C-alpha atoms as a PDB file:
ATOM      1  CA  SER A   1     -42.774  36.704  -1.341  1.00  0.00           C
ATOM      2  CA  PRO A   2     -39.817  34.369  -1.941  1.00  0.00           C
ATOM      3  CA  ALA A   3     -37.822  37.196  -3.459  1.00  0.00           C
ATOM      4  CA  SER A   4     -38.204  39.493  -0.477  1.00  0.00           C
ATOM      5  CA  SER A   5     -37.418  36.800   2.055  1.00  0.00           C
ATOM      6  CA  ALA A   6     -34.520  35.213   0.168  1.00  0.00           C
ATOM      7  CA  SER A   7     -31.972  36.481   2.691  1.00  0.00           C
ATOM      8  CA  GLU A   8     -33.795  34.641   5.479  1.00  0.00           C
ATOM      9  CA  GLU A   9     -34.377  31.431   3.588  1.00  0.00           C
ATOM     10  CA  VAL A  10     -32.226  28.346   3.369  1.00  0.00           C
ATOM     11  CA  CYS A  11     -31.101  27.947  -0.240  1.00  0.00           C
ATOM     12  CA  ARG A  12     -33.736  25.756  -1.821  1.00  0.00           C
ATOM     13  CA  PRO A  13     -34.573  25.535  -5.518  1.00  0.00           C
ATOM     14  CA  PHE A  14     -36.464  28.749  -6.270  1.00  0.00           C
ATOM     15  CA  PRO A  15     -37.688  28.638  -9.898  1.00  0.00           C
ATOM     16  CA  THR A  16     -38.899  32.252  -9.797  1.00  0.00           C
ATOM     17  CA  LEU A  17     -35.852  33.887  -8.224  1.00  0.00           C
ATOM     18  CA  ARG A  18     -34.044  34.117 -11.524  1.00  0.00           C
ATOM     19  CA  GLU A  19     -36.980  35.902 -13.072  1.00  0.00           C
ATOM     20  CA  ASN A  20     -37.416  38.237 -10.092  1.00  0.00           C
ATOM     21  CA  ASN A  21     -33.812  39.052  -9.237  1.00  0.00           C
ATOM     22  CA  VAL A  22     -31.353  38.082 -11.930  1.00  0.00           C
ATOM     23  CA  SER A  23     -32.896  38.412 -15.379  1.00  0.00           C
ATOM     24  CA  LYS A  24     -31.873  42.030 -15.740  1.00  0.00           C
ATOM     25  CA  SER A  25     -28.268  41.283 -14.867  1.00  0.00           C
ATOM     26  CA  GLY A  26     -28.077  37.868 -16.477  1.00  0.00           C
ATOM     27  CA  LYS A  27     -25.829  38.963 -19.341  1.00  0.00           C
ATOM     28  CA  PHE A  28     -23.467  40.627 -16.883  1.00  0.00           C
ATOM     29  CA  SER A  29     -23.355  37.580 -14.604  1.00  0.00           C
ATOM     30  CA  VAL A  30     -22.429  35.235 -17.435  1.00  0.00           C
ATOM     31  CA  GLY A  31     -18.920  36.704 -17.449  1.00  0.00           C
ATOM     32  CA  LEU A  32     -17.985  34.763 -14.305  1.00  0.00           C
ATOM     33  CA  PRO A  33     -18.773  31.231 -15.581  1.00  0.00           C
ATOM     34  CA  ILE A  34     -17.179  32.030 -18.947  1.00  0.00           C
ATOM     35  CA  THR A  35     -14.008  33.284 -17.280  1.00  0.00           C
ATOM     36  CA  MET A  36     -13.848  30.290 -14.946  1.00  0.00           C
ATOM     37  CA  MET A  37     -14.386  27.839 -17.806  1.00  0.00           C
ATOM     38  CA  ILE A  38     -11.701  29.361 -20.044  1.00  0.00           C
ATOM     39  CA  THR A  39      -9.182  29.651 -17.220  1.00  0.00           C
ATOM     40  CA  GLY A  40      -9.855  26.090 -16.110  1.00  0.00           C
ATOM     41  CA  MET A  41      -9.620  24.669 -19.621  1.00  0.00           C
ATOM     42  CA  VAL A  42      -6.326  26.425 -20.324  1.00  0.00           C
ATOM     43  CA  GLY A  43      -4.738  25.392 -17.019  1.00  0.00           C
ATOM     44  CA  ASN A  44      -5.858  21.773 -17.093  1.00  0.00           C
ATOM     45  CA  SER A  45      -5.031  21.330 -20.789  1.00  0.00           C
ATOM     46  CA  LEU A  46      -1.551  22.690 -20.165  1.00  0.00           C
ATOM     47  CA  ALA A  47      -1.188  20.358 -17.194  1.00  0.00           C
ATOM     48  CA  LEU A  48      -2.175  17.340 -19.274  1.00  0.00           C
ATOM     49  CA  MET A  49       0.318  18.195 -22.022  1.00  0.00           C
ATOM     50  CA  LEU A  50       3.214  18.689 -19.627  1.00  0.00           C
ATOM     51  CA  VAL A  51       2.385  15.595 -17.593  1.00  0.00           C
ATOM     52  CA  TYR A  52       2.129  13.501 -20.765  1.00  0.00           C
ATOM     53  CA  ARG A  53       5.497  14.738 -21.981  1.00  0.00           C
ATOM     54  CA  SER A  54       7.128  14.054 -18.617  1.00  0.00           C
ATOM     55  CA  TYR A  55       5.420  10.662 -18.294  1.00  0.00           C
ATOM     56  CA  ARG A  56       6.902   9.455 -21.570  1.00  0.00           C
ATOM     57  CA  LYS A  57      10.402  10.473 -20.495  1.00  0.00           C
ATOM     58  CA  LYS A  58      10.342   8.952 -17.010  1.00  0.00           C
ATOM     59  CA  GLU A  59      11.657   5.432 -16.523  1.00  0.00           C
ATOM     60  CA  ASN A  60      11.218   5.540 -12.748  1.00  0.00           C
ATOM     61  CA  ASN A  61       7.941   3.866 -11.797  1.00  0.00           C
ATOM     62  CA  ARG A  62       7.637   5.976  -8.659  1.00  0.00           C
ATOM     63  CA  LYS A  63       7.750   9.165 -10.707  1.00  0.00           C
ATOM     64  CA  LYS A  64       5.361   7.696 -13.272  1.00  0.00           C
ATOM     65  CA  SER A  65       2.895   6.821 -10.541  1.00  0.00           C
ATOM     66  CA  PHE A  66       2.895  10.361  -9.195  1.00  0.00           C
ATOM     67  CA  LEU A  67       2.635  11.851 -12.699  1.00  0.00           C
ATOM     68  CA  PHE A  68      -0.299   9.564 -13.447  1.00  0.00           C
ATOM     69  CA  CYS A  69      -2.113  10.851 -10.363  1.00  0.00           C
ATOM     70  CA  ILE A  70      -1.570  14.474 -11.362  1.00  0.00           C
ATOM     71  CA  GLY A  71      -2.652  13.747 -14.932  1.00  0.00           C
ATOM     72  CA  SER A  72      -5.817  12.074 -13.638  1.00  0.00           C
ATOM     73  CA  LEU A  73      -6.531  15.102 -11.465  1.00  0.00           C
ATOM     74  CA  ALA A  74      -6.140  17.487 -14.414  1.00  0.00           C
ATOM     75  CA  LEU A  75      -8.307  15.279 -16.638  1.00  0.00           C
ATOM     76  CA  THR A  76     -11.010  15.068 -13.969  1.00  0.00           C
ATOM     77  CA  ASP A  77     -11.050  18.837 -13.463  1.00  0.00           C
ATOM     78  CA  LEU A  78     -11.146  19.440 -17.226  1.00  0.00           C
ATOM     79  CA  PHE A  79     -14.084  17.094 -17.807  1.00  0.00           C
ATOM     80  CA  GLY A  80     -15.934  18.568 -14.854  1.00  0.00           C
ATOM     81  CA  GLN A  81     -15.735  22.020 -16.422  1.00  0.00           C
ATOM     82  CA  LEU A  82     -16.518  20.884 -19.963  1.00  0.00           C
ATOM     83  CA  LEU A  83     -19.648  19.026 -18.871  1.00  0.00           C
ATOM     84  CA  THR A  84     -21.136  21.678 -16.571  1.00  0.00           C
ATOM     85  CA  SER A  85     -19.955  25.161 -17.555  1.00  0.00           C
ATOM     86  CA  PRO A  86     -21.584  25.218 -21.046  1.00  0.00           C
ATOM     87  CA  ILE A  87     -24.958  24.403 -19.461  1.00  0.00           C
ATOM     88  CA  VAL A  88     -24.624  27.239 -16.967  1.00  0.00           C
ATOM     89  CA  ILE A  89     -23.553  29.681 -19.690  1.00  0.00           C
ATOM     90  CA  TYR A  90     -26.459  28.660 -21.926  1.00  0.00           C
ATOM     91  CA  ALA A  91     -28.915  29.067 -19.051  1.00  0.00           C
ATOM     92  CA  TYR A  92     -27.632  32.592 -18.414  1.00  0.00           C
ATOM     93  CA  LEU A  93     -27.687  33.607 -22.074  1.00  0.00           C
ATOM     94  CA  ALA A  94     -31.086  32.034 -22.820  1.00  0.00           C
ATOM     95  CA  ASP A  95     -32.551  33.741 -19.738  1.00  0.00           C
ATOM     96  CA  LYS A  96     -35.117  30.977 -19.360  1.00  0.00           C
ATOM     97  CA  LYS A  97     -36.606  29.210 -16.396  1.00  0.00           C
ATOM     98  CA  TRP A  98     -35.040  25.801 -15.787  1.00  0.00           C
ATOM     99  CA  GLU A  99     -38.413  24.085 -16.244  1.00  0.00           C
ATOM    100  CA  THR A 100     -38.579  25.489 -19.765  1.00  0.00           C
ATOM    101  CA  MET A 101     -35.109  24.190 -20.638  1.00  0.00           C
ATOM    102  CA  ASP A 102     -35.491  20.876 -18.851  1.00  0.00           C
ATOM    103  CA  PRO A 103     -39.129  19.816 -18.438  1.00  0.00           C
ATOM    104  CA  SER A 104     -38.139  16.156 -18.034  1.00  0.00           C
ATOM    105  CA  LYS A 105     -35.512  17.008 -15.346  1.00  0.00           C
ATOM    106  CA  ILE A 106     -33.021  14.739 -17.083  1.00  0.00           C
ATOM    107  CA  LEU A 107     -30.590  17.602 -17.632  1.00  0.00           C
ATOM    108  CA  CYS A 108     -30.839  18.552 -13.952  1.00  0.00           C
ATOM    109  CA  ALA A 109     -30.025  14.982 -12.909  1.00  0.00           C
ATOM    110  CA  PHE A 110     -27.072  14.880 -15.319  1.00  0.00           C
ATOM    111  CA  PHE A 111     -25.783  18.216 -14.022  1.00  0.00           C
ATOM    112  CA  GLY A 112     -26.116  17.060 -10.401  1.00  0.00           C
ATOM    113  CA  VAL A 113     -24.268  13.802 -11.092  1.00  0.00           C
ATOM    114  CA  CYS A 114     -21.444  15.731 -12.770  1.00  0.00           C
ATOM    115  CA  MET A 115     -21.227  18.229  -9.915  1.00  0.00           C
ATOM    116  CA  THR A 116     -21.022  15.454  -7.322  1.00  0.00           C
ATOM    117  CA  THR A 117     -18.663  13.205  -9.294  1.00  0.00           C
ATOM    118  CA  PHE A 118     -16.209  15.874 -10.389  1.00  0.00           C
ATOM    119  CA  GLY A 119     -16.419  17.527  -6.997  1.00  0.00           C
ATOM    120  CA  LEU A 120     -15.515  14.459  -4.945  1.00  0.00           C
ATOM    121  CA  CYS A 121     -12.980  12.985  -7.398  1.00  0.00           C
ATOM    122  CA  PRO A 122     -10.403  15.785  -6.906  1.00  0.00           C
ATOM    123  CA  LEU A 123     -10.730  15.384  -3.137  1.00  0.00           C
ATOM    124  CA  PHE A 124     -10.166  11.634  -3.437  1.00  0.00           C
ATOM    125  CA  LEU A 125      -7.190  12.178  -5.735  1.00  0.00           C
ATOM    126  CA  ALA A 126      -5.686  14.766  -3.400  1.00  0.00           C
ATOM    127  CA  SER A 127      -6.021  12.258  -0.560  1.00  0.00           C
ATOM    128  CA  ALA A 128      -4.491   9.474  -2.651  1.00  0.00           C
ATOM    129  CA  MET A 129      -1.480  11.623  -3.550  1.00  0.00           C
ATOM    130  CA  ALA A 130      -1.078  12.703   0.078  1.00  0.00           C
ATOM    131  CA  ILE A 131      -1.087   9.069   1.190  1.00  0.00           C
ATOM    132  CA  GLU A 132       1.443   8.208  -1.527  1.00  0.00           C
ATOM    133  CA  ARG A 133       3.756  11.020  -0.435  1.00  0.00           C
ATOM    134  CA  SER A 134       3.611   9.988   3.212  1.00  0.00           C
ATOM    135  CA  LEU A 135       4.378   6.358   2.344  1.00  0.00           C
ATOM    136  CA  ALA A 136       7.294   7.372   0.115  1.00  0.00           C
ATOM    137  CA  ILE A 137       8.827   9.425   2.921  1.00  0.00           C
ATOM    138  CA  THR A 138       8.047   7.288   5.966  1.00  0.00           C
ATOM    139  CA  SER A 139       8.266   3.789   4.426  1.00  0.00           C
ATOM    140  CA  PRO A 140      10.586   4.078   1.401  1.00  0.00           C
ATOM    141  CA  HIS A 141      11.418   0.362   1.199  1.00  0.00           C
ATOM    142  CA  TRP A 142       7.798  -0.761   1.296  1.00  0.00           C
ATOM    143  CA  TYR A 143       6.829   1.976  -1.129  1.00  0.00           C
ATOM    144  CA  SER A 144       9.524   1.096  -3.671  1.00  0.00           C
ATOM    145  CA  ILE A 145       8.674  -2.597  -3.584  1.00  0.00           C
ATOM    146  CA  HIS A 146       4.879  -2.496  -3.527  1.00  0.00           C
ATOM    147  CA  MET A 147       3.833   0.797  -5.126  1.00  0.00           C
ATOM    148  CA  LYS A 148       3.646   0.031  -8.843  1.00  0.00           C
ATOM    149  CA  THR A 149       2.129   2.124 -11.605  1.00  0.00           C
ATOM    150  CA  SER A 150      -0.376  -0.670 -12.276  1.00  0.00           C
ATOM    151  CA  LEU A 151      -1.543  -0.496  -8.658  1.00  0.00           C
ATOM    152  CA  THR A 152      -1.953   3.269  -8.929  1.00  0.00           C
ATOM    153  CA  LYS A 153      -4.136   2.847 -12.017  1.00  0.00           C
ATOM    154  CA  GLN A 154      -6.288   0.243 -10.271  1.00  0.00           C
ATOM    155  CA  ILE A 155      -6.773   2.505  -7.242  1.00  0.00           C
ATOM    156  CA  LEU A 156      -7.791   5.435  -9.451  1.00  0.00           C
ATOM    157  CA  VAL A 157     -10.319   3.285 -11.329  1.00  0.00           C
ATOM    158  CA  VAL A 158     -11.816   2.107  -8.028  1.00  0.00           C
ATOM    159  CA  ILE A 159     -12.048   5.714  -6.811  1.00  0.00           C
ATOM    160  CA  LEU A 160     -13.858   6.809  -9.981  1.00  0.00           C
ATOM    161  CA  CYS A 161     -16.304   3.892  -9.807  1.00  0.00           C
ATOM    162  CA  LEU A 162     -17.127   4.454  -6.134  1.00  0.00           C
ATOM    163  CA  VAL A 163     -17.652   8.191  -6.603  1.00  0.00           C
ATOM    164  CA  LEU A 164     -19.837   7.606  -9.658  1.00  0.00           C
ATOM    165  CA  ILE A 165     -21.966   5.076  -7.777  1.00  0.00           C
ATOM    166  CA  PHE A 166     -22.381   7.541  -4.924  1.00  0.00           C
ATOM    167  CA  ALA A 167     -23.330  10.333  -7.351  1.00  0.00           C
ATOM    168  CA  LEU A 168     -25.994   8.114  -8.929  1.00  0.00           C
ATOM    169  CA  LEU A 169     -27.747   7.412  -5.614  1.00  0.00           C
ATOM    170  CA  PRO A 170     -30.222  10.312  -6.032  1.00  0.00           C
ATOM    171  CA  ILE A 171     -31.227   8.807  -9.381  1.00  0.00           C
ATOM    172  CA  ALA A 172     -32.071   5.632  -7.447  1.00  0.00           C
ATOM    173  CA  GLY A 173     -34.133   7.594  -4.927  1.00  0.00           C
ATOM    174  CA  VAL A 174     -31.547   8.207  -2.204  1.00  0.00           C
ATOM    175  CA  GLY A 175     -31.412  11.990  -2.136  1.00  0.00           C
ATOM    176  CA  GLN A 176     -32.414  14.363  -4.899  1.00  0.00           C
ATOM    177  CA  TYR A 177     -30.884  16.752  -7.415  1.00  0.00           C
ATOM    178  CA  THR A 178     -32.823  20.001  -7.818  1.00  0.00           C
ATOM    179  CA  HIS A 179     -32.225  23.262  -9.679  1.00  0.00           C
ATOM    180  CA  GLN A 180     -30.709  25.920  -7.471  1.00  0.00           C
ATOM    181  CA  TRP A 181     -30.870  29.683  -7.228  1.00  0.00           C
ATOM    182  CA  PRO A 182     -30.672  31.634  -9.492  1.00  0.00           C
ATOM    183  CA  GLY A 183     -32.006  28.834 -11.698  1.00  0.00           C
ATOM    184  CA  THR A 184     -28.921  28.177 -13.830  1.00  0.00           C
ATOM    185  CA  TRP A 185     -27.546  25.012 -12.245  1.00  0.00           C
ATOM    186  CA  CYS A 186     -28.500  21.892 -10.283  1.00  0.00           C
ATOM    187  CA  PHE A 187     -27.069  20.275  -7.199  1.00  0.00           C
ATOM    188  CA  ILE A 188     -27.964  18.180  -4.168  1.00  0.00           C
ATOM    189  CA  SER A 189     -31.270  19.156  -2.592  1.00  0.00           C
ATOM    190  CA  ILE A 190     -30.709  20.836   0.772  1.00  0.00           C
ATOM    191  CA  GLY A 191     -34.197  21.245   2.171  1.00  0.00           C
ATOM    192  CA  ASP A 192     -35.274  20.943   5.774  1.00  0.00           C
ATOM    193  CA  ARG A 193     -33.245  18.720   8.075  1.00  0.00           C
ATOM    194  CA  GLU A 194     -36.205  16.342   8.456  1.00  0.00           C
ATOM    195  CA  ASP A 195     -36.272  15.936   4.680  1.00  0.00           C
ATOM    196  CA  PRO A 196     -35.133  12.366   3.791  1.00  0.00           C
ATOM    197  CA  GLY A 197     -33.017  13.858   1.000  1.00  0.00           C
ATOM    198  CA  MET A 198     -30.858  15.616   3.579  1.00  0.00           C
ATOM    199  CA  PHE A 199     -29.199  12.289   4.380  1.00  0.00           C
ATOM    200  CA  PHE A 200     -27.450  12.345   1.019  1.00  0.00           C
ATOM    201  CA  ALA A 201     -26.391  15.979   1.444  1.00  0.00           C
ATOM    202  CA  ILE A 202     -25.001  15.292   4.913  1.00  0.00           C
ATOM    203  CA  THR A 203     -23.187  12.188   3.647  1.00  0.00           C
ATOM    204  CA  PHE A 204     -21.613  14.267   0.872  1.00  0.00           C
ATOM    205  CA  ALA A 205     -20.408  16.831   3.409  1.00  0.00           C
ATOM    206  CA  VAL A 206     -19.093  14.236   5.867  1.00  0.00           C
ATOM    207  CA  LEU A 207     -17.267  12.374   3.103  1.00  0.00           C
ATOM    208  CA  GLY A 208     -15.691  15.584   1.859  1.00  0.00           C
ATOM    209  CA  ILE A 209     -14.580  16.596   5.356  1.00  0.00           C
ATOM    210  CA  PHE A 210     -13.130  13.123   5.915  1.00  0.00           C
ATOM    211  CA  LEU A 211     -11.091  13.378   2.707  1.00  0.00           C
ATOM    212  CA  LEU A 212      -9.794  16.794   3.747  1.00  0.00           C
ATOM    213  CA  LEU A 213      -8.746  15.393   7.120  1.00  0.00           C
ATOM    214  CA  VAL A 214      -6.966  12.448   5.455  1.00  0.00           C
ATOM    215  CA  THR A 215      -5.118  14.802   3.118  1.00  0.00           C
ATOM    216  CA  PHE A 216      -4.122  17.154   5.916  1.00  0.00           C
ATOM    217  CA  SER A 217      -3.052  14.293   8.226  1.00  0.00           C
ATOM    218  CA  CYS A 218      -0.901  12.616   5.576  1.00  0.00           C
ATOM    219  CA  ASN A 219       0.693  15.910   4.589  1.00  0.00           C
ATOM    220  CA  VAL A 220       1.499  16.614   8.244  1.00  0.00           C
ATOM    221  CA  VAL A 221       3.088  13.150   8.504  1.00  0.00           C
ATOM    222  CA  THR A 222       5.111  13.884   5.367  1.00  0.00           C
ATOM    223  CA  ILE A 223       6.233  17.261   6.683  1.00  0.00           C
ATOM    224  CA  ARG A 224       7.216  15.728  10.028  1.00  0.00           C
ATOM    225  CA  GLY A 225       9.170  12.960   8.291  1.00  0.00           C
ATOM    226  CA  LEU A 226      11.023  15.469   6.144  1.00  0.00           C
ATOM    227  CA  ILE A 227      11.902  17.659   9.112  1.00  0.00           C
ATOM    228  CA  ILE A 228      13.180  14.681  11.114  1.00  0.00           C
ATOM    229  CA  ARG A 229      15.323  13.560   8.188  1.00  0.00           C
ATOM    230  CA  CYS A 230      16.578  17.104   7.747  1.00  0.00           C
ATOM    231  CA  LYS A 231      17.627  17.276  11.406  1.00  0.00           C
ATOM    232  CA  THR A 232      19.524  13.985  11.181  1.00  0.00           C
ATOM    233  CA  LYS A 233      21.413  15.396   8.201  1.00  0.00           C
ATOM    234  CA  SER A 234      22.132  18.739   9.871  1.00  0.00           C
ATOM    235  CA  GLY A 235      25.597  20.144   9.305  1.00  0.00           C
ATOM    236  CA  THR A 236      27.579  22.249   6.880  1.00  0.00           C
ATOM    237  CA  SER A 237      28.111  19.629   4.209  1.00  0.00           C
ATOM    238  CA  HIS A 238      26.676  19.941   0.721  1.00  0.00           C
ATOM    239  CA  SER A 239      24.340  17.016   1.414  1.00  0.00           C
ATOM    240  CA  ALA A 240      22.967  18.689   4.548  1.00  0.00           C
ATOM    241  CA  LYS A 241      22.353  21.972   2.750  1.00  0.00           C
ATOM    242  CA  GLN A 242      20.621  20.150  -0.079  1.00  0.00           C
ATOM    243  CA  TRP A 243      18.366  18.343   2.378  1.00  0.00           C
ATOM    244  CA  GLU A 244      17.504  21.605   4.091  1.00  0.00           C
ATOM    245  CA  ARG A 245      16.595  23.269   0.800  1.00  0.00           C
ATOM    246  CA  LEU A 246      14.515  20.344  -0.426  1.00  0.00           C
ATOM    247  CA  THR A 247      12.695  20.076   2.879  1.00  0.00           C
ATOM    248  CA  THR A 248      11.910  23.795   3.002  1.00  0.00           C
ATOM    249  CA  GLU A 249      10.600  23.859  -0.561  1.00  0.00           C
ATOM    250  CA  THR A 250       8.479  20.742  -0.138  1.00  0.00           C
ATOM    251  CA  VAL A 251       6.988  21.884   3.164  1.00  0.00           C
ATOM    252  CA  ILE A 252       6.035  25.258   1.678  1.00  0.00           C
ATOM    253  CA  GLN A 253       4.321  23.630  -1.280  1.00  0.00           C
ATOM    254  CA  LEU A 254       2.418  21.101   0.831  1.00  0.00           C
ATOM    255  CA  LEU A 255       1.197  23.905   3.066  1.00  0.00           C
ATOM    256  CA  GLY A 256       0.100  25.781  -0.057  1.00  0.00           C
ATOM    257  CA  ILE A 257      -1.912  22.793  -1.294  1.00  0.00           C
ATOM    258  CA  MET A 258      -3.542  22.417   2.110  1.00  0.00           C
ATOM    259  CA  CYS A 259      -4.497  26.105   2.164  1.00  0.00           C
ATOM    260  CA  VAL A 260      -6.072  25.886  -1.309  1.00  0.00           C
ATOM    261  CA  LEU A 261      -8.152  22.854  -0.320  1.00  0.00           C
ATOM    262  CA  LEU A 262      -9.240  24.442   2.934  1.00  0.00           C
ATOM    263  CA  ILE A 263     -10.248  27.774   1.388  1.00  0.00           C
ATOM    264  CA  CYS A 264     -12.070  26.205  -1.559  1.00  0.00           C
ATOM    265  CA  TRP A 265     -13.925  23.371   0.156  1.00  0.00           C
ATOM    266  CA  ALA A 266     -14.383  24.113   3.859  1.00  0.00           C
ATOM    267  CA  PRO A 267     -17.109  26.801   3.418  1.00  0.00           C
ATOM    268  CA  LEU A 268     -19.291  24.414   1.390  1.00  0.00           C
ATOM    269  CA  LEU A 269     -18.702  21.247   3.418  1.00  0.00           C
ATOM    270  CA  VAL A 270     -19.015  22.796   6.863  1.00  0.00           C
ATOM    271  CA  ASN A 271     -22.126  24.856   6.081  1.00  0.00           C
ATOM    272  CA  ILE A 272     -24.650  22.530   4.490  1.00  0.00           C
ATOM    273  CA  GLN A 273     -27.573  24.952   4.724  1.00  0.00           C
ATOM    274  CA  LEU A 274     -26.931  28.540   3.685  1.00  0.00           C
ATOM    275  CA  GLU A 275     -28.835  31.510   2.344  1.00  0.00           C
ATOM    276  CA  CYS A 276     -29.008  31.308  -1.444  1.00  0.00           C
ATOM    277  CA  LYS A 277     -26.345  33.841  -2.354  1.00  0.00           C
ATOM    278  CA  LEU A 278     -23.901  32.484   0.211  1.00  0.00           C
ATOM    279  CA  PHE A 279     -24.515  28.938  -1.004  1.00  0.00           C
ATOM    280  CA  LEU A 280     -23.802  30.022  -4.581  1.00  0.00           C
ATOM    281  CA  PHE A 281     -20.614  31.712  -3.363  1.00  0.00           C
ATOM    282  CA  THR A 282     -19.400  28.498  -1.682  1.00  0.00           C
ATOM    283  CA  ILE A 283     -20.083  26.599  -4.917  1.00  0.00           C
ATOM    284  CA  HIS A 284     -17.962  29.117  -6.806  1.00  0.00           C
ATOM    285  CA  LEU A 285     -15.168  28.600  -4.269  1.00  0.00           C
ATOM    286  CA  ALA A 286     -15.356  24.825  -4.705  1.00  0.00           C
ATOM    287  CA  SER A 287     -15.302  25.261  -8.493  1.00  0.00           C
ATOM    288  CA  LEU A 288     -12.270  27.492  -8.100  1.00  0.00           C
ATOM    289  CA  ASN A 289     -10.384  24.441  -6.842  1.00  0.00           C
ATOM    290  CA  GLN A 290     -10.687  22.905 -10.309  1.00  0.00           C
ATOM    291  CA  ILE A 291      -8.994  25.995 -11.717  1.00  0.00           C
ATOM    292  CA  LEU A 292      -6.250  26.206  -9.093  1.00  0.00           C
ATOM    293  CA  ASP A 293      -5.341  22.499  -9.127  1.00  0.00           C
ATOM    294  CA  PRO A 294      -3.295  22.525 -12.352  1.00  0.00           C
ATOM    295  CA  TRP A 295      -1.532  25.741 -11.404  1.00  0.00           C
ATOM    296  CA  VAL A 296      -0.656  24.465  -7.948  1.00  0.00           C
ATOM    297  CA  TYR A 297       0.718  21.206  -9.279  1.00  0.00           C
ATOM    298  CA  LEU A 298       2.271  22.697 -12.430  1.00  0.00           C
ATOM    299  CA  LEU A 299       3.755  26.023 -11.415  1.00  0.00           C
ATOM    300  CA  LEU A 300       5.289  24.246  -8.447  1.00  0.00           C
ATOM    301  CA  ARG A 301       6.275  21.316 -10.614  1.00  0.00           C
ATOM    302  CA  GLU A 302       9.969  21.681  -9.926  1.00  0.00           C
ATOM    303  CA  ILE A 303       9.209  21.266  -6.249  1.00  0.00           C
ATOM    304  CA  LEU A 304       6.311  18.845  -6.227  1.00  0.00           C
ATOM    305  CA  LEU A 305       7.550  16.451  -8.894  1.00  0.00           C
ATOM    306  CA  ARG A 306      11.294  16.663  -9.319  1.00  0.00           C
ATOM    307  CA  LYS A 307      12.057  17.799  -5.768  1.00  0.00           C
ATOM    308  CA  PHE A 308       9.628  15.320  -4.235  1.00  0.00           C
ATOM    309  CA  CYS A 309      11.164  12.454  -6.163  1.00  0.00           C
ATOM    310  CA  GLN A 310      14.643  13.617  -5.184  1.00  0.00           C
ATOM    311  CA  VAL A 311      13.630  13.708  -1.526  1.00  0.00           C
ATOM    312  CA  ALA A 312      12.045  10.266  -1.749  1.00  0.00           C
ATOM    313  CA  SER A 313      15.180   8.857  -3.404  1.00  0.00           C
ATOM    314  CA  ALA A 314      17.394  10.528  -0.812  1.00  0.00           C
ATOM    315  CA  VAL A 315      15.276   9.058   1.992  1.00  0.00           C
ATOM    316  CA  SER A 316      15.573   5.617   0.443  1.00  0.00           C
ATOM    317  CA  LYS A 317      19.364   5.858   0.169  1.00  0.00           C
ATOM    318  CA  CYS A 318      19.657   7.286   3.671  1.00  0.00           C
ATOM    319  CA  SER A 319      17.518   4.490   5.043  1.00  0.00           C
ATOM    320  CA  ILE A 320      19.715   1.891   3.388  1.00  0.00           C
ATOM    321  CA  GLU A 321      22.862   3.470   4.801  1.00  0.00           C
ATOM    322  CA  GLU A 322      21.391   3.565   8.320  1.00  0.00           C
ATOM    323  CA  ASN A 323      20.433  -0.078   8.082  1.00  0.00           C
ATOM    324  CA  LYS A 324      23.992  -0.911   7.064  1.00  0.00           C
ATOM    325  CA  GLU A 325      25.471   0.903  10.041  1.00  0.00           C
ATOM    326  CA  THR A 326      23.038  -0.168  12.768  1.00  0.00           C
ATOM    327  CA  GLN A 327      21.949  -3.639  11.675  1.00  0.00           C
ATOM    328  CA  SER A 328      24.958  -5.784  10.859  1.00  0.00           C
ATOM    329  CA  GLU A 329      22.843  -8.908  11.051  1.00  0.00           C
ATOM    330  CA  GLY A 330      20.445  -7.506   8.505  1.00  0.00           C
ATOM    331  CA  GLN A 331      23.072  -6.644   5.906  1.00  0.00           C
ATOM    332  CA  ARG A 332      21.849  -9.200   3.433  1.00  0.00           C
ATOM    333  CA  GLU A 333      18.278  -7.981   3.736  1.00  0.00           C
ATOM    334  CA  THR A 334      19.432  -4.405   3.226  1.00  0.00           C
ATOM    335  CA  GLU A 335      21.264  -5.384   0.046  1.00  0.00           C
ATOM    336  CA  MET A 336      18.046  -6.955  -1.234  1.00  0.00           C
ATOM    337  CA  ASP A 337      16.203  -3.708  -0.509  1.00  0.00           C
ATOM    338  CA  ARG A 338      18.816  -1.759  -2.437  1.00  0.00           C
ATOM    339  CA  ASP A 339      18.410  -4.026  -5.432  1.00  0.00           C
ATOM    340  CA  ALA A 340      14.652  -3.528  -5.286  1.00  0.00           C
ATOM    341  CA  LEU A 341      15.106   0.222  -5.101  1.00  0.00           C
ATOM    342  CA  ASN A 342      17.458   0.258  -8.061  1.00  0.00           C
ATOM    343  CA  LYS A 343      14.767  -1.335 -10.182  1.00  0.00           C
ATOM    344  CA  HIS A 344      12.479   1.643  -9.540  1.00  0.00           C
ATOM    345  CA  THR A 345      14.935   4.566  -9.512  1.00  0.00           C
END
């Protein structure tokens, strides 16, 4: 029977597994989604309030751009939880088969679109912020001149539109959203490898892995740039000690963000086909990222926002000073760069 062979099966939509294995413990299991929803709502709501308050106070466009990215991440995570968690909780409490709740399969399609959209969006946003950090550290002049808040908003809108279009592909027939074990949620169908729907699942995994690699690569570039700058400022002066402290704090926080992304997403993206319980566990890990995001970016706010902006400003000033000393012929161009920087600092 499907119930007895569940440990040997790839996690496909089993409509009877909930009835056979979970109905007796359904009320106990509902504690996990409720806890995750409340924790996520509190963290992301707090993040939005603090980001909004800081955004109104900041006159520096570079800081506003970074705050806007973090606010978008918190808003995305919050909506992802508000649109999916209540459905899961209701399914647990009602203790009904999914076909009874959703005979038309419209709710399953909606749930799958939300899972895909609000799963990929945080990965895209993490990559966008990693790219922004690397540009601010490695190319401060270009960043100060070209990176405007309006451009950041346009990029975020494009990201949302592209992810939404991708998530709607199963509705158009490319891939499929099906209810998953134990019958309380829906996600991308992960049947046999020869199943045409597997193309969408594989594309989702490849895209997610690519975004992780982009984030990791850009963070490594940022860390390397900070360390190089720190070495050039080595000494016993107050400026050198400040650089060392800022570099150490920023590196630690970037490594922390990378660890959170790796732990939460790698198990799901690397292992497309898993036994049902393991697949559900990897989904919980990925959902945990939505809960940890606001705490990572908020509790480390002094480092990731204020310290990051201080480092970026210090790099810009240092770069201007080096140009003055080593490029006498480019003095006029350097002065123009300084004027451009002053407009955004």
